[in-house]
């Protein structure tokens, strides 16, 4: 896929999907939530924190918070020192919401998630999908996690392969190099090396 001559990244694809879902959901009472995994923040992006962030987005878009969810949050506050809802509680809350309205959960770069957290996230999403007919999940990631996603989500997966083309990569590099705020830091020889080497070595995303 291309936009304005640039190759689209998985982040771009996710953004387009999310924007489209938000446009369609407006006025229809549907909920849309998204989460972007970052390799540099792996330790902070646990299964509970990720699904908790999704829950906050979903609840934040509701005109009225369901009584059961409000009560669960109040119960957590009563625990000594207070605490965030646990993973099981978060899954149940998302099941409740997705059982009452269409709920779209979009996850970008799932392959950047720590393996042990990824297992819990996929199992939790599977529980939500099984109990809530109104739930839909969109995931991007590199090919090596496709089998894991399919197995963990009970095989209910439609996969679309997006492969970069060499011309897309070269076009993207030209654009980024032209936008460099320090053009004097690079001579023509280095620019030529970049345009030759990266398209040769870039991995499939």
C-alpha atoms as a PDB file:
ATOM      1  CA  UNK A   1       0.000   0.000   0.000  1.00  0.00           C
ATOM      2  CA  UNK A   2       1.260   3.489  -0.736  1.00  0.00           C
ATOM      3  CA  UNK A   3       0.354   7.003   0.291  1.00  0.00           C
ATOM      4  CA  UNK A   4       1.918  10.092  -1.297  1.00  0.00           C
ATOM      5  CA  UNK A   5       4.749   7.984  -2.679  1.00  0.00           C
ATOM      6  CA  UNK A   6       5.760   6.575   0.728  1.00  0.00           C
ATOM      7  CA  UNK A   7       5.737   2.984   1.894  1.00  0.00           C
ATOM      8  CA  UNK A   8       3.262   2.395   4.689  1.00  0.00           C
ATOM      9  CA  UNK A   9       4.468   0.903   7.964  1.00  0.00           C
ATOM     10  CA  UNK A  10       2.334  -1.318  10.220  1.00  0.00           C
ATOM     11  CA  UNK A  11       1.758   1.803  12.342  1.00  0.00           C
ATOM     12  CA  UNK A  12       0.366   3.609   9.286  1.00  0.00           C
ATOM     13  CA  UNK A  13      -1.878   0.657   8.446  1.00  0.00           C
ATOM     14  CA  UNK A  14      -3.169   0.499  12.027  1.00  0.00           C
ATOM     15  CA  UNK A  15      -3.823   4.235  12.038  1.00  0.00           C
ATOM     16  CA  UNK A  16      -5.841   3.977   8.828  1.00  0.00           C
ATOM     17  CA  UNK A  17      -7.887   1.088  10.230  1.00  0.00           C
ATOM     18  CA  UNK A  18      -8.512   2.896  13.522  1.00  0.00           C
ATOM     19  CA  UNK A  19      -9.520   6.129  11.772  1.00  0.00           C
ATOM     20  CA  UNK A  20     -11.914   4.192   9.546  1.00  0.00           C
ATOM     21  CA  UNK A  21     -13.447   2.357  12.506  1.00  0.00           C
ATOM     22  CA  UNK A  22     -13.856   5.586  14.478  1.00  0.00           C
ATOM     23  CA  UNK A  23     -15.614   7.225  11.521  1.00  0.00           C
ATOM     24  CA  UNK A  24     -17.999   4.283  11.172  1.00  0.00           C
ATOM     25  CA  UNK A  25     -18.559   3.954  14.916  1.00  0.00           C
ATOM     26  CA  UNK A  26     -19.525   7.597  15.361  1.00  0.00           C
ATOM     27  CA  UNK A  27     -23.200   7.774  16.150  1.00  0.00           C
ATOM     28  CA  UNK A  28     -23.639   4.000  16.195  1.00  0.00           C
ATOM     29  CA  UNK A  29     -22.727   3.427  19.842  1.00  0.00           C
ATOM     30  CA  UNK A  30     -19.731   1.249  18.952  1.00  0.00           C
ATOM     31  CA  UNK A  31     -16.506   1.335  20.975  1.00  0.00           C
ATOM     32  CA  UNK A  32     -13.009   1.529  19.452  1.00  0.00           C
ATOM     33  CA  UNK A  33      -9.768   1.119  21.399  1.00  0.00           C
ATOM     34  CA  UNK A  34      -6.155   0.790  20.273  1.00  0.00           C
ATOM     35  CA  UNK A  35      -2.739  -0.074  21.676  1.00  0.00           C
ATOM     36  CA  UNK A  36       0.697   0.297  20.100  1.00  0.00           C
ATOM     37  CA  UNK A  37       3.477  -1.963  21.348  1.00  0.00           C
ATOM     38  CA  UNK A  38       6.984  -0.514  21.545  1.00  0.00           C
ATOM     39  CA  UNK A  39      10.121  -2.660  21.788  1.00  0.00           C
ATOM     40  CA  UNK A  40      11.774   0.014  23.928  1.00  0.00           C
ATOM     41  CA  UNK A  41       8.978  -0.209  26.542  1.00  0.00           C
ATOM     42  CA  UNK A  42       8.574  -3.980  26.755  1.00  0.00           C
ATOM     43  CA  UNK A  43       8.922  -4.173  30.545  1.00  0.00           C
ATOM     44  CA  UNK A  44       6.192  -1.600  31.122  1.00  0.00           C
ATOM     45  CA  UNK A  45       3.767  -3.055  28.553  1.00  0.00           C
ATOM     46  CA  UNK A  46       2.469  -6.080  30.448  1.00  0.00           C
ATOM     47  CA  UNK A  47      -0.724  -7.966  29.634  1.00  0.00           C
ATOM     48  CA  UNK A  48      -2.622  -6.241  32.460  1.00  0.00           C
ATOM     49  CA  UNK A  49      -1.371  -2.747  31.577  1.00  0.00           C
ATOM     50  CA  UNK A  50      -2.144  -3.247  27.888  1.00  0.00           C
ATOM     51  CA  UNK A  51      -5.702  -4.529  28.370  1.00  0.00           C
ATOM     52  CA  UNK A  52      -6.198  -2.000  31.168  1.00  0.00           C
ATOM     53  CA  UNK A  53      -5.355   0.785  28.705  1.00  0.00           C
ATOM     54  CA  UNK A  54      -7.854  -0.684  26.229  1.00  0.00           C
ATOM     55  CA  UNK A  55     -10.530  -0.841  28.946  1.00  0.00           C
ATOM     56  CA  UNK A  56      -9.960   2.804  29.900  1.00  0.00           C
ATOM     57  CA  UNK A  57     -10.416   3.873  26.276  1.00  0.00           C
ATOM     58  CA  UNK A  58     -13.587   1.840  25.894  1.00  0.00           C
ATOM     59  CA  UNK A  59     -15.087   3.058  29.170  1.00  0.00           C
ATOM     60  CA  UNK A  60     -14.041   6.636  28.389  1.00  0.00           C
ATOM     61  CA  UNK A  61     -16.160   6.549  25.251  1.00  0.00           C
ATOM     62  CA  UNK A  62     -19.327   5.452  27.053  1.00  0.00           C
ATOM     63  CA  UNK A  63     -22.037   7.925  27.990  1.00  0.00           C
ATOM     64  CA  UNK A  64     -22.616   5.949  31.170  1.00  0.00           C
ATOM     65  CA  UNK A  65     -20.306   3.469  32.879  1.00  0.00           C
ATOM     66  CA  UNK A  66     -22.049   0.102  33.454  1.00  0.00           C
ATOM     67  CA  UNK A  67     -22.931  -0.407  37.114  1.00  0.00           C
ATOM     68  CA  UNK A  68     -20.945  -3.643  37.377  1.00  0.00           C
ATOM     69  CA  UNK A  69     -17.758  -1.970  36.153  1.00  0.00           C
ATOM     70  CA  UNK A  70     -18.165   1.052  38.421  1.00  0.00           C
ATOM     71  CA  UNK A  71     -18.694  -1.283  41.369  1.00  0.00           C
ATOM     72  CA  UNK A  72     -15.603  -3.333  40.499  1.00  0.00           C
ATOM     73  CA  UNK A  73     -13.447  -0.181  40.469  1.00  0.00           C
ATOM     74  CA  UNK A  74     -14.856   0.875  43.830  1.00  0.00           C
ATOM     75  CA  UNK A  75     -14.069  -2.567  45.272  1.00  0.00           C
ATOM     76  CA  UNK A  76     -10.446  -2.256  44.102  1.00  0.00           C
ATOM     77  CA  UNK A  77     -10.129   1.129  45.820  1.00  0.00           C
ATOM     78  CA  UNK A  78     -11.091  -0.477  49.125  1.00  0.00           C
ATOM     79  CA  UNK A  79      -8.117  -2.824  49.006  1.00  0.00           C
ATOM     80  CA  UNK A  80      -5.313  -1.612  51.296  1.00  0.00           C
ATOM     81  CA  UNK A  81      -3.483   1.130  49.442  1.00  0.00           C
ATOM     82  CA  UNK A  82      -5.798   0.738  46.473  1.00  0.00           C
ATOM     83  CA  UNK A  83      -4.796  -1.107  43.319  1.00  0.00           C
ATOM     84  CA  UNK A  84      -5.497  -1.376  39.635  1.00  0.00           C
ATOM     85  CA  UNK A  85      -7.970  -4.054  38.480  1.00  0.00           C
ATOM     86  CA  UNK A  86      -6.356  -7.448  37.905  1.00  0.00           C
ATOM     87  CA  UNK A  87      -6.220  -9.108  34.465  1.00  0.00           C
ATOM     88  CA  UNK A  88      -9.192 -11.410  35.126  1.00  0.00           C
ATOM     89  CA  UNK A  89     -11.278  -8.431  36.256  1.00  0.00           C
ATOM     90  CA  UNK A  90     -10.318  -6.431  33.155  1.00  0.00           C
ATOM     91  CA  UNK A  91     -11.285  -9.315  30.858  1.00  0.00           C
ATOM     92  CA  UNK A  92     -14.688  -9.640  32.554  1.00  0.00           C
ATOM     93  CA  UNK A  93     -15.322  -5.900  32.199  1.00  0.00           C
ATOM     94  CA  UNK A  94     -14.436  -5.961  28.504  1.00  0.00           C
ATOM     95  CA  UNK A  95     -16.682  -8.998  28.049  1.00  0.00           C
ATOM     96  CA  UNK A  96     -19.527  -7.079  29.668  1.00  0.00           C
ATOM     97  CA  UNK A  97     -19.104  -4.043  27.423  1.00  0.00           C
ATOM     98  CA  UNK A  98     -18.559  -6.058  24.235  1.00  0.00           C
ATOM     99  CA  UNK A  99     -21.659  -8.073  25.071  1.00  0.00           C
ATOM    100  CA  UNK A 100     -23.756  -4.904  24.920  1.00  0.00           C
ATOM    101  CA  UNK A 101     -22.219  -3.029  21.973  1.00  0.00           C
ATOM    102  CA  UNK A 102     -19.861  -3.587  19.054  1.00  0.00           C
ATOM    103  CA  UNK A 103     -16.316  -3.273  20.383  1.00  0.00           C
ATOM    104  CA  UNK A 104     -13.235  -3.059  18.163  1.00  0.00           C
ATOM    105  CA  UNK A 105      -9.805  -3.666  19.731  1.00  0.00           C
ATOM    106  CA  UNK A 106      -6.819  -2.744  17.553  1.00  0.00           C
ATOM    107  CA  UNK A 107      -3.293  -3.842  18.494  1.00  0.00           C
ATOM    108  CA  UNK A 108      -0.226  -2.709  16.554  1.00  0.00           C
ATOM    109  CA  UNK A 109       3.136  -4.543  16.505  1.00  0.00           C
ATOM    110  CA  UNK A 110       2.078  -7.449  18.729  1.00  0.00           C
ATOM    111  CA  UNK A 111       5.398  -9.120  17.861  1.00  0.00           C
ATOM    112  CA  UNK A 112       7.132  -6.427  19.956  1.00  0.00           C
ATOM    113  CA  UNK A 113       5.334  -7.698  23.068  1.00  0.00           C
ATOM    114  CA  UNK A 114       7.265  -9.961  25.470  1.00  0.00           C
ATOM    115  CA  UNK A 115       6.362 -13.598  24.716  1.00  0.00           C
ATOM    116  CA  UNK A 116       4.999 -14.362  28.201  1.00  0.00           C
ATOM    117  CA  UNK A 117       2.738 -11.309  28.073  1.00  0.00           C
ATOM    118  CA  UNK A 118       1.699 -12.035  24.493  1.00  0.00           C
ATOM    119  CA  UNK A 119       0.366 -15.462  25.527  1.00  0.00           C
ATOM    120  CA  UNK A 120      -1.793 -13.909  28.261  1.00  0.00           C
ATOM    121  CA  UNK A 121      -3.010 -11.148  25.950  1.00  0.00           C
ATOM    122  CA  UNK A 122      -4.061 -13.564  23.211  1.00  0.00           C
ATOM    123  CA  UNK A 123      -5.751 -15.895  25.701  1.00  0.00           C
ATOM    124  CA  UNK A 124      -7.599 -12.922  27.208  1.00  0.00           C
ATOM    125  CA  UNK A 125      -8.699 -11.719  23.771  1.00  0.00           C
ATOM    126  CA  UNK A 126      -9.910 -15.230  22.988  1.00  0.00           C
ATOM    127  CA  UNK A 127     -12.039 -15.204  26.152  1.00  0.00           C
ATOM    128  CA  UNK A 128     -13.529 -11.868  25.130  1.00  0.00           C
ATOM    129  CA  UNK A 129     -14.280 -13.073  21.592  1.00  0.00           C
ATOM    130  CA  UNK A 130     -15.876 -16.288  22.814  1.00  0.00           C
ATOM    131  CA  UNK A 131     -18.167 -14.593  25.335  1.00  0.00           C
ATOM    132  CA  UNK A 132     -18.959 -11.404  23.426  1.00  0.00           C
ATOM    133  CA  UNK A 133     -20.365 -11.652  19.910  1.00  0.00           C
ATOM    134  CA  UNK A 134     -19.959  -7.909  19.403  1.00  0.00           C
ATOM    135  CA  UNK A 135     -16.163  -7.988  19.828  1.00  0.00           C
ATOM    136  CA  UNK A 136     -13.695  -7.787  16.946  1.00  0.00           C
ATOM    137  CA  UNK A 137      -9.886  -7.713  17.112  1.00  0.00           C
ATOM    138  CA  UNK A 138      -7.403  -6.265  14.604  1.00  0.00           C
ATOM    139  CA  UNK A 139      -3.713  -7.145  15.050  1.00  0.00           C
ATOM    140  CA  UNK A 140      -0.540  -6.291  13.149  1.00  0.00           C
ATOM    141  CA  UNK A 141       2.776  -8.087  13.559  1.00  0.00           C
ATOM    142  CA  UNK A 142       5.582  -9.809  11.713  1.00  0.00           C
ATOM    143  CA  UNK A 143       4.922 -13.207  10.106  1.00  0.00           C
ATOM    144  CA  UNK A 144       6.585 -15.299  12.827  1.00  0.00           C
ATOM    145  CA  UNK A 145       3.682 -14.764  15.274  1.00  0.00           C
ATOM    146  CA  UNK A 146       0.920 -15.635  12.785  1.00  0.00           C
ATOM    147  CA  UNK A 147       0.675 -19.289  13.858  1.00  0.00           C
ATOM    148  CA  UNK A 148       0.620 -18.297  17.542  1.00  0.00           C
ATOM    149  CA  UNK A 149      -2.166 -15.784  16.960  1.00  0.00           C
ATOM    150  CA  UNK A 150      -4.192 -18.324  15.006  1.00  0.00           C
ATOM    151  CA  UNK A 151      -3.785 -21.025  17.660  1.00  0.00           C
ATOM    152  CA  UNK A 152      -4.504 -18.762  20.621  1.00  0.00           C
ATOM    153  CA  UNK A 153      -7.574 -17.218  19.009  1.00  0.00           C
ATOM    154  CA  UNK A 154      -9.115 -20.620  18.329  1.00  0.00           C
ATOM    155  CA  UNK A 155      -8.269 -20.453  14.639  1.00  0.00           C
ATOM    156  CA  UNK A 156     -10.747 -17.614  14.006  1.00  0.00           C
ATOM    157  CA  UNK A 157      -8.222 -15.470  12.156  1.00  0.00           C
ATOM    158  CA  UNK A 158      -8.110 -13.881   8.714  1.00  0.00           C
ATOM    159  CA  UNK A 159      -4.527 -13.011   7.783  1.00  0.00           C
ATOM    160  CA  UNK A 160      -3.564 -10.363   5.237  1.00  0.00           C
ATOM    161  CA  UNK A 161       0.088 -10.287   4.231  1.00  0.00           C
ATOM    162  CA  UNK A 162       1.633  -6.861   3.630  1.00  0.00           C
ATOM    163  CA  UNK A 163       5.093  -7.151   2.088  1.00  0.00           C
ATOM    164  CA  UNK A 164       7.338  -4.139   1.329  1.00  0.00           C
ATOM    165  CA  UNK A 165       8.535  -3.718  -2.234  1.00  0.00           C
ATOM    166  CA  UNK A 166      12.045  -2.507  -2.992  1.00  0.00           C
ATOM    167  CA  UNK A 167      10.750   0.539  -4.862  1.00  0.00           C
ATOM    168  CA  UNK A 168       8.555   1.443  -1.864  1.00  0.00           C
ATOM    169  CA  UNK A 169      11.555   1.318   0.451  1.00  0.00           C
ATOM    170  CA  UNK A 170      13.705   3.435  -1.873  1.00  0.00           C
ATOM    171  CA  UNK A 171      10.912   5.989  -2.254  1.00  0.00           C
ATOM    172  CA  UNK A 172      10.480   6.138   1.530  1.00  0.00           C
ATOM    173  CA  UNK A 173      14.233   6.612   2.064  1.00  0.00           C
ATOM    174  CA  UNK A 174      14.374   9.424  -0.515  1.00  0.00           C
ATOM    175  CA  UNK A 175      11.551  11.211   1.297  1.00  0.00           C
ATOM    176  CA  UNK A 176      13.149  10.853   4.734  1.00  0.00           C
ATOM    177  CA  UNK A 177      16.577  11.934   3.485  1.00  0.00           C
ATOM    178  CA  UNK A 178      15.063  14.969   1.759  1.00  0.00           C
ATOM    179  CA  UNK A 179      13.355  15.919   5.043  1.00  0.00           C
ATOM    180  CA  UNK A 180      16.626  15.740   7.010  1.00  0.00           C
ATOM    181  CA  UNK A 181      16.981  18.880   9.136  1.00  0.00           C
ATOM    182  CA  UNK A 182      20.802  18.592   8.937  1.00  0.00           C
ATOM    183  CA  UNK A 183      21.549  18.072   5.228  1.00  0.00           C
ATOM    184  CA  UNK A 184      25.195  19.119   5.678  1.00  0.00           C
ATOM    185  CA  UNK A 185      25.799  16.113   7.963  1.00  0.00           C
ATOM    186  CA  UNK A 186      25.649  13.747   4.969  1.00  0.00           C
ATOM    187  CA  UNK A 187      27.644  13.763   1.751  1.00  0.00           C
ATOM    188  CA  UNK A 188      26.511  12.265  -1.555  1.00  0.00           C
ATOM    189  CA  UNK A 189      28.590   9.118  -0.996  1.00  0.00           C
ATOM    190  CA  UNK A 190      26.841   8.281   2.306  1.00  0.00           C
ATOM    191  CA  UNK A 191      23.447   9.009   0.772  1.00  0.00           C
ATOM    192  CA  UNK A 192      24.215   6.625  -2.093  1.00  0.00           C
ATOM    193  CA  UNK A 193      25.335   3.915   0.352  1.00  0.00           C
ATOM    194  CA  UNK A 194      22.127   4.280   2.374  1.00  0.00           C
ATOM    195  CA  UNK A 195      19.927   4.025  -0.726  1.00  0.00           C
ATOM    196  CA  UNK A 196      21.840   0.925  -1.841  1.00  0.00           C
ATOM    197  CA  UNK A 197      22.428  -0.947   1.422  1.00  0.00           C
ATOM    198  CA  UNK A 198      19.104  -0.618   3.305  1.00  0.00           C
ATOM    199  CA  UNK A 199      16.838  -1.914   0.507  1.00  0.00           C
ATOM    200  CA  UNK A 200      19.151  -4.937   0.190  1.00  0.00           C
ATOM    201  CA  UNK A 201      19.240  -5.794   3.889  1.00  0.00           C
ATOM    202  CA  UNK A 202      15.807  -4.768   5.153  1.00  0.00           C
ATOM    203  CA  UNK A 203      13.889  -7.624   6.782  1.00  0.00           C
ATOM    204  CA  UNK A 204      10.358  -8.592   5.887  1.00  0.00           C
ATOM    205  CA  UNK A 205       7.855  -6.769   8.121  1.00  0.00           C
END
